Protein backbone atom coordinates (compact mmCIF):
# COMPACT_ATOMS: atom_id res chain seq x y z
CA UNK A 1 -189.48 112.79 -28.31
CA UNK A 2 -188.97 115.91 -30.41
CA UNK A 3 -191.81 117.07 -32.68
CA UNK A 4 -191.37 120.22 -34.78
CA UNK A 5 -188.31 121.13 -32.74
CA UNK A 6 -190.10 120.87 -29.39
CA UNK A 7 -189.82 118.19 -26.75
CA UNK A 8 -193.18 116.50 -26.20
CA UNK A 9 -194.15 115.18 -22.78
CA UNK A 10 -197.53 113.97 -21.62
CA UNK A 11 -198.62 114.23 -17.99
CA UNK A 12 -199.75 111.21 -16.02
CA UNK A 13 -203.19 112.83 -15.67
CA UNK A 14 -203.46 113.22 -19.46
CA UNK A 15 -202.38 109.60 -19.92
CA UNK A 16 -205.08 108.46 -17.48
CA UNK A 17 -207.72 110.54 -19.26
CA UNK A 18 -206.54 109.12 -22.59
CA UNK A 19 -207.12 105.66 -21.11
CA UNK A 20 -210.66 106.82 -20.22
CA UNK A 21 -210.12 105.93 -16.58
CA UNK A 22 -210.85 107.61 -13.29
CA UNK A 23 -208.14 107.90 -10.67
CA UNK A 24 -209.84 105.09 -8.79
CA UNK A 25 -209.86 102.81 -11.86
CA UNK A 26 -206.21 103.58 -12.59
CA UNK A 27 -205.33 102.92 -8.96
CA UNK A 28 -207.00 99.50 -9.09
CA UNK A 29 -205.18 98.63 -12.31
CA UNK A 30 -201.87 99.57 -10.67
CA UNK A 31 -202.67 98.00 -7.28
CA UNK A 32 -202.18 101.28 -5.43
CA UNK A 33 -204.44 103.60 -3.45
CA UNK A 34 -206.42 106.30 -5.26
CA UNK A 35 -204.52 108.87 -3.19
CA UNK A 36 -201.27 107.57 -4.69
CA UNK A 37 -202.48 108.27 -8.23
CA UNK A 38 -203.72 111.67 -7.07
CA UNK A 39 -200.31 112.44 -5.55
CA UNK A 40 -198.51 111.44 -8.76
CA UNK A 41 -200.78 113.63 -10.86
CA UNK A 42 -200.70 116.65 -8.56
CA UNK A 43 -197.07 116.29 -7.50
CA UNK A 44 -198.19 116.45 -3.86
CA UNK A 45 -195.23 114.35 -2.79
CA UNK A 46 -192.17 115.46 -4.78
CA UNK A 47 -190.41 112.11 -4.53
CA UNK A 48 -193.51 110.05 -5.29
CA UNK A 49 -193.52 108.62 -8.80
CA UNK A 50 -194.71 105.41 -10.37
CA UNK A 51 -192.07 102.72 -10.71
CA UNK A 52 -191.06 101.23 -14.07
CA UNK A 53 -193.61 98.42 -13.89
CA UNK A 54 -196.38 100.89 -13.10
CA UNK A 55 -195.24 103.16 -15.94
CA UNK A 56 -195.38 100.19 -18.29
CA UNK A 57 -199.00 99.56 -17.29
CA UNK A 58 -199.90 103.26 -17.63
CA UNK A 59 -198.31 103.24 -21.08
CA UNK A 60 -200.22 100.13 -22.14
CA UNK A 61 -203.56 101.38 -20.80
CA UNK A 62 -203.21 104.83 -22.34
CA UNK A 63 -201.53 103.86 -25.60
CA UNK A 64 -198.82 106.45 -24.90
CA UNK A 65 -195.18 105.36 -25.18
CA UNK A 66 -193.30 105.39 -21.88
CA UNK A 67 -190.71 107.85 -23.17
CA UNK A 68 -193.43 110.47 -23.65
CA UNK A 69 -194.80 110.27 -20.10
CA UNK A 70 -193.88 113.32 -18.04
CA UNK A 71 -192.43 112.71 -14.60
CA UNK A 72 -191.17 115.42 -12.30
């Protein structure tokens, strides 16, 4: 999405915080390990990203449209 001429992207960590959830709570909601959420947020594993179903849940929980979520 472009706002005032700039592309807007929101990190997965910011989306989680917007949902008022800890990494552990987000992990439970997504049926993954807490370390998986941590890896996504910190880009510890370059090829590790949530799948489309998980992104849909993150979007719903955070109230942030999927197209604004930042993935590396």
